[in-house]
């Protein structure tokens, strides 16, 4: 594979990408993507394997059981680290076998990582689930940028797919910044997309049909222009297109994911009675996108 890149301008000396692995095919694809991300960023890579949460049983867990679990996590992490070193020779790789459940270990690691990477699901759970419990837990609780890897990881030298960032409201610049940087590093075209809908009328199943449809269109176009403008000078090599769309944001983003390499979304995590949850749009895209999805925390 390619040689390790020099850190891009402005990259912190201690830049770090963390990836969760459990030996499953989904986690190995996430490992390959995380390896490439660390290489592009000039960052070190931490390959982390956590334990499986204890299940209720009439048979108590013994010290020997716990030691076997710790040994297994170390072995999986070390095998993953070796795979990463083979993919990118010279990359700094750390193997971590955690003694706590994988989701807890990854949430904790995300507090100091520049990027946390996971697959859609691992060995556990039920067949047919689109997204595993660890991925869902990270989507709701990760402290920093999170990438959920879907689909196949592009081979080195392959033409990059598009990078798409969904813009929800004015002022949420963190996802846009991440998308510009990603598009610059991968050489992909960037699409900035804003979807909007007319309000529902009380007691009416259909949405309001406006008399002046161009007013909302112009407002959406101004939002896109004002958001993208500050980034042109900072990322002059990025080819950018902006698109406003009337209709469901989730449906439009999932459609764009068919030709994209990465969908970038802001994650405004909500405190509700059932705990931290992501928005319906973020949940739908995570469940159904055809490419990887990056969630970037916004205030």
Protein backbone atom coordinates (compact mmCIF):
# COMPACT_ATOMS: atom_id res chain seq x y z
CA UNK A 1 0.00 0.00 0.00
CA UNK A 2 1.00 3.68 -0.01
CA UNK A 3 3.75 5.14 2.15
CA UNK A 4 2.81 7.11 5.25
CA UNK A 5 2.01 10.72 4.42
CA UNK A 6 3.48 13.73 6.20
CA UNK A 7 0.94 15.36 8.53
CA UNK A 8 -1.19 17.92 6.66
CA UNK A 9 -0.70 21.54 7.64
CA UNK A 10 -2.40 22.27 10.94
CA UNK A 11 -2.52 18.64 12.05
CA UNK A 12 -1.80 18.30 15.80
CA UNK A 13 1.39 16.38 16.59
CA UNK A 14 -0.64 13.96 18.70
CA UNK A 15 -3.38 13.32 16.11
CA UNK A 16 -4.99 9.94 16.76
CA UNK A 17 -7.54 7.74 15.02
CA UNK A 18 -9.22 4.98 17.06
CA UNK A 19 -10.94 1.98 15.45
CA UNK A 20 -13.01 -0.71 17.14
CA UNK A 21 -12.40 -4.29 15.99
CA UNK A 22 -13.75 -7.70 16.95
CA UNK A 23 -12.46 -9.77 14.02
CA UNK A 24 -15.76 -9.67 12.10
CA UNK A 25 -15.80 -8.74 8.38
CA UNK A 26 -17.56 -5.46 9.20
CA UNK A 27 -14.89 -4.48 11.71
CA UNK A 28 -12.05 -5.42 9.34
CA UNK A 29 -13.49 -3.08 6.69
CA UNK A 30 -13.65 -0.39 9.36
CA UNK A 31 -10.02 -1.15 10.25
CA UNK A 32 -8.91 -0.71 6.63
CA UNK A 33 -10.78 2.59 6.34
CA UNK A 34 -9.37 3.82 9.66
CA UNK A 35 -5.86 2.88 8.53
CA UNK A 36 -6.27 4.99 5.39
CA UNK A 37 -7.75 7.86 7.42
CA UNK A 38 -4.82 7.81 9.86
CA UNK A 39 -2.37 7.73 6.96
CA UNK A 40 -3.98 10.74 5.26
CA UNK A 41 -4.03 12.68 8.53
CA UNK A 42 -0.48 11.82 9.54
CA UNK A 43 -1.98 10.41 12.73
CA UNK A 44 -1.28 7.37 14.85
CA UNK A 45 -3.82 4.54 14.78
CA UNK A 46 -5.15 2.81 17.88
CA UNK A 47 -6.74 -0.59 17.23
CA UNK A 48 -9.09 -1.30 20.13
CA UNK A 49 -10.92 -4.50 21.02
CA UNK A 50 -13.24 -4.54 24.01
CA UNK A 51 -14.97 -7.33 25.85
CA UNK A 52 -18.46 -8.66 25.24
CA UNK A 53 -20.96 -7.43 27.87
CA UNK A 54 -21.66 -10.06 30.51
CA UNK A 55 -24.92 -11.95 30.04
CA UNK A 56 -27.17 -13.12 32.83
CA UNK A 57 -26.56 -16.73 33.64
CA UNK A 58 -27.00 -19.16 36.51
CA UNK A 59 -23.30 -19.99 36.05
CA UNK A 60 -21.13 -17.26 37.65
CA UNK A 61 -18.24 -15.73 35.73
CA UNK A 62 -14.87 -16.82 37.12
CA UNK A 63 -11.46 -15.16 37.22
CA UNK A 64 -10.32 -17.68 34.62
CA UNK A 65 -13.18 -16.62 32.32
CA UNK A 66 -12.18 -12.97 32.67
CA UNK A 67 -8.53 -13.74 31.96
CA UNK A 68 -9.47 -15.68 28.81
CA UNK A 69 -11.56 -12.70 27.69
CA UNK A 70 -8.66 -10.29 28.27
CA UNK A 71 -6.32 -12.56 26.33
CA UNK A 72 -8.80 -12.79 23.47
CA UNK A 73 -9.19 -9.01 23.21
CA UNK A 74 -5.42 -8.53 23.18
CA UNK A 75 -5.05 -11.12 20.42
CA UNK A 76 -7.77 -9.57 18.24
CA UNK A 77 -6.29 -6.08 18.72
CA UNK A 78 -2.76 -7.26 17.90
CA UNK A 79 -3.92 -9.10 14.78
CA UNK A 80 -5.74 -5.96 13.67
CA UNK A 81 -2.67 -3.82 14.30
CA UNK A 82 -0.56 -6.16 12.18
CA UNK A 83 -3.10 -5.90 9.34
CA UNK A 84 -2.90 -2.09 9.54
CA UNK A 85 0.92 -2.13 9.44
CA UNK A 86 0.85 -4.32 6.35
CA UNK A 87 -1.65 -1.99 4.66
CA UNK A 88 0.40 1.14 5.39
CA UNK A 89 4.04 0.36 6.21
CA UNK A 90 5.56 2.88 8.58
CA UNK A 91 2.26 3.87 10.17
CA UNK A 92 2.38 4.17 13.96
CA UNK A 93 -0.10 1.59 15.27
CA UNK A 94 -1.06 0.79 18.86
CA UNK A 95 -2.98 -2.35 19.86
CA UNK A 96 -5.29 -2.07 22.88
CA UNK A 97 -7.13 -4.98 24.44
CA UNK A 98 -9.65 -3.33 26.77
CA UNK A 99 -11.00 -5.01 29.88
CA UNK A 100 -14.37 -3.24 29.58
CA UNK A 101 -17.24 -3.69 27.06
CA UNK A 102 -16.37 -2.45 23.56
CA UNK A 103 -18.95 0.35 23.49
CA UNK A 104 -17.77 1.75 26.85
CA UNK A 105 -14.11 1.58 25.81
CA UNK A 106 -14.78 3.32 22.49
CA UNK A 107 -16.90 6.07 24.05
CA UNK A 108 -14.09 6.75 26.49
CA UNK A 109 -11.46 6.70 23.72
CA UNK A 110 -13.53 9.11 21.61
CA UNK A 111 -12.98 11.86 24.19
CA UNK A 112 -9.34 12.24 23.14
CA UNK A 113 -9.43 10.89 19.55
CA UNK A 114 -9.53 13.06 16.43
CA UNK A 115 -11.70 10.38 14.80
CA UNK A 116 -13.34 7.18 16.04
CA UNK A 117 -14.19 4.51 13.45
CA UNK A 118 -16.51 1.50 13.76
CA UNK A 119 -18.19 -0.95 11.41
CA UNK A 120 -21.93 -1.27 11.06
CA UNK A 121 -22.07 -4.33 13.30
CA UNK A 122 -19.86 -7.07 14.68
CA UNK A 123 -20.12 -10.73 15.67
CA UNK A 124 -22.77 -10.12 18.32
CA UNK A 125 -26.46 -9.27 17.97
CA UNK A 126 -29.08 -10.72 15.66
CA UNK A 127 -28.74 -11.56 11.98
CA UNK A 128 -30.46 -9.03 9.76
CA UNK A 129 -29.83 -6.00 11.97
CA UNK A 130 -28.73 -3.04 9.84
CA UNK A 131 -26.75 -1.43 12.65
CA UNK A 132 -25.29 -3.09 15.71
CA UNK A 133 -25.60 -2.01 19.33
CA UNK A 134 -22.01 -0.73 19.55
CA UNK A 135 -22.45 1.48 16.47
CA UNK A 136 -25.74 2.85 17.79
CA UNK A 137 -24.21 3.51 21.21
CA UNK A 138 -21.30 5.39 19.64
CA UNK A 139 -23.64 7.38 17.39
CA UNK A 140 -25.44 8.67 20.48
CA UNK A 141 -22.52 9.04 22.89
CA UNK A 142 -19.22 9.56 21.01
CA UNK A 143 -17.57 12.77 22.21
CA UNK A 144 -15.83 13.56 18.91
CA UNK A 145 -16.16 12.81 15.19
CA UNK A 146 -17.41 9.28 14.48
CA UNK A 147 -17.25 7.36 11.21
CA UNK A 148 -19.51 4.33 10.68
CA UNK A 149 -18.06 2.36 7.78
CA UNK A 150 -20.55 0.95 5.30
CA UNK A 151 -19.91 -0.70 1.94
CA UNK A 152 -16.52 -1.65 0.57
CA UNK A 153 -13.36 0.33 1.32
CA UNK A 154 -11.88 1.79 -1.92
CA UNK A 155 -8.62 0.30 -3.09
CA UNK A 156 -5.55 2.52 -3.16
CA UNK A 157 -5.50 4.59 -6.36
CA UNK A 158 -9.21 4.10 -7.07
CA UNK A 159 -11.20 7.11 -8.26
CA UNK A 160 -12.72 8.60 -5.11
CA UNK A 161 -16.47 8.78 -4.74
CA UNK A 162 -18.17 12.04 -3.83
CA UNK A 163 -18.17 13.54 -0.35
CA UNK A 164 -21.63 14.78 0.66
CA UNK A 165 -22.41 17.00 3.65
CA UNK A 166 -25.95 17.61 4.81
CA UNK A 167 -26.55 21.17 5.99
CA UNK A 168 -29.47 21.47 8.41
CA UNK A 169 -29.33 25.06 9.63
CA UNK A 170 -27.19 28.21 9.51
CA UNK A 171 -24.19 28.28 11.83
CA UNK A 172 -23.49 24.54 11.94
CA UNK A 173 -20.05 24.80 10.35
CA UNK A 174 -18.31 21.84 12.04
CA UNK A 175 -19.66 19.21 9.58
CA UNK A 176 -18.91 21.49 6.61
CA UNK A 177 -15.32 21.98 7.80
CA UNK A 178 -14.89 18.21 8.22
CA UNK A 179 -16.34 17.56 4.74
CA UNK A 180 -14.07 20.12 3.04
CA UNK A 181 -11.02 18.66 4.76
CA UNK A 182 -12.03 15.12 3.81
CA UNK A 183 -12.67 16.09 0.18
CA UNK A 184 -9.29 17.81 0.04
CA UNK A 185 -7.45 14.80 1.48
CA UNK A 186 -9.17 12.25 -0.77
CA UNK A 187 -9.39 14.38 -3.93
CA UNK A 188 -13.15 13.91 -4.16
CA UNK A 189 -15.86 16.29 -5.32
CA UNK A 190 -17.82 17.88 -2.48
CA UNK A 191 -21.61 18.28 -2.50
CA UNK A 192 -23.19 20.56 0.12
CA UNK A 193 -26.88 19.67 0.38
CA UNK A 194 -29.75 21.39 2.18
CA UNK A 195 -33.21 19.82 2.18
CA UNK A 196 -36.34 21.62 3.34
CA UNK A 197 -40.09 21.00 3.49
CA UNK A 198 -43.19 23.12 3.75
CA UNK A 199 -45.06 22.94 7.07
CA UNK A 200 -47.84 20.50 7.75
CA UNK A 201 -51.32 21.94 8.31
CA UNK A 202 -53.07 20.81 11.51
CA UNK A 203 -55.47 17.97 10.76
CA UNK A 204 -54.34 17.74 7.13
CA UNK A 205 -52.28 14.82 5.81
CA UNK A 206 -50.75 16.76 2.90
CA UNK A 207 -48.16 19.50 3.22
CA UNK A 208 -49.00 23.12 2.55
CA UNK A 209 -48.87 23.99 -1.14
CA UNK A 210 -47.27 27.46 -1.23
CA UNK A 211 -48.35 30.33 -3.46
CA UNK A 212 -44.77 31.55 -3.78
CA UNK A 213 -42.54 28.47 -4.07
CA UNK A 214 -39.49 30.49 -5.16
CA UNK A 215 -39.28 32.40 -1.85
CA UNK A 216 -38.25 29.29 0.09
CA UNK A 217 -36.00 28.22 -2.77
CA UNK A 218 -34.14 31.53 -2.70
CA UNK A 219 -33.81 31.34 1.08
CA UNK A 220 -32.28 27.85 0.81
CA UNK A 221 -29.89 29.00 -1.90
CA UNK A 222 -28.75 31.97 0.22
CA UNK A 223 -28.12 29.65 3.16
CA UNK A 224 -25.91 27.43 1.00
CA UNK A 225 -24.00 30.36 -0.51
CA UNK A 226 -23.35 32.01 2.84
CA UNK A 227 -22.24 28.73 4.42
CA UNK A 228 -19.87 27.64 1.65
CA UNK A 229 -18.30 31.04 0.84
CA UNK A 230 -15.82 31.21 3.78
CA UNK A 231 -14.34 27.82 2.86
CA UNK A 232 -13.45 28.57 -0.77
CA UNK A 233 -10.24 30.43 0.08
CA UNK A 234 -9.18 27.89 2.70
CA UNK A 235 -9.74 24.90 0.41
CA UNK A 236 -9.11 26.26 -3.12
CA UNK A 237 -8.45 22.80 -4.61
CA UNK A 238 -11.81 21.34 -3.57
CA UNK A 239 -14.41 21.18 -6.33
CA UNK A 240 -17.69 22.18 -4.67
CA UNK A 241 -21.30 21.96 -5.76
CA UNK A 242 -24.29 23.08 -3.68
CA UNK A 243 -27.82 21.74 -3.94
CA UNK A 244 -31.08 22.71 -2.23
CA UNK A 245 -33.82 20.12 -2.29
CA UNK A 246 -37.50 20.28 -1.38
CA UNK A 247 -38.48 17.08 0.38
CA UNK A 248 -37.15 14.56 2.88
CA UNK A 249 -33.54 15.15 3.89
CA UNK A 250 -33.01 11.49 4.76
CA UNK A 251 -34.37 10.24 1.42
CA UNK A 252 -32.19 12.67 -0.54
CA UNK A 253 -29.02 11.82 1.40
CA UNK A 254 -29.62 8.07 1.08
CA UNK A 255 -30.09 8.52 -2.67
CA UNK A 256 -26.84 10.49 -2.95
CA UNK A 257 -25.03 7.80 -0.95
CA UNK A 258 -25.34 5.44 -3.93
CA UNK A 259 -22.48 7.25 -5.70
CA UNK A 260 -20.75 8.80 -2.67
CA UNK A 261 -17.80 7.65 -0.61
CA UNK A 262 -18.81 9.53 2.53
CA UNK A 263 -21.89 11.26 3.94
CA UNK A 264 -21.12 13.88 6.62
CA UNK A 265 -23.81 14.96 9.09
CA UNK A 266 -23.95 17.11 12.17
CA UNK A 267 -24.87 15.23 15.35
CA UNK A 268 -26.94 17.32 17.74
CA UNK A 269 -27.51 14.74 20.43
CA UNK A 270 -30.77 15.09 22.36
CA UNK A 271 -31.33 14.28 26.03
CA UNK A 272 -34.67 12.52 26.29
CA UNK A 273 -36.40 10.28 28.78
CA UNK A 274 -34.93 7.20 27.13
CA UNK A 275 -31.40 8.63 27.17
CA UNK A 276 -29.25 10.23 24.51
CA UNK A 277 -30.66 9.81 21.01
CA UNK A 278 -29.70 10.95 17.52
CA UNK A 279 -32.15 12.71 15.23
CA UNK A 280 -34.51 10.78 12.91
CA UNK A 281 -32.52 11.94 9.85
CA UNK A 282 -29.20 10.77 11.31
CA UNK A 283 -30.74 7.44 12.35
CA UNK A 284 -32.27 6.84 8.89
CA UNK A 285 -29.02 7.63 7.08
CA UNK A 286 -26.99 5.44 9.43
CA UNK A 287 -29.39 2.56 8.83
CA UNK A 288 -29.77 2.81 5.05
CA UNK A 289 -26.85 4.70 3.46
CA UNK A 290 -24.86 2.81 0.83
CA UNK A 291 -21.57 4.43 1.89
CA UNK A 292 -19.79 5.37 5.10
CA UNK A 293 -21.30 8.03 7.36
CA UNK A 294 -19.42 10.55 9.50
CA UNK A 295 -21.16 12.19 12.47
CA UNK A 296 -19.66 15.47 13.63
CA UNK A 297 -20.77 16.91 17.00
CA UNK A 298 -22.38 20.36 16.83
CA UNK A 299 -23.21 22.52 19.86
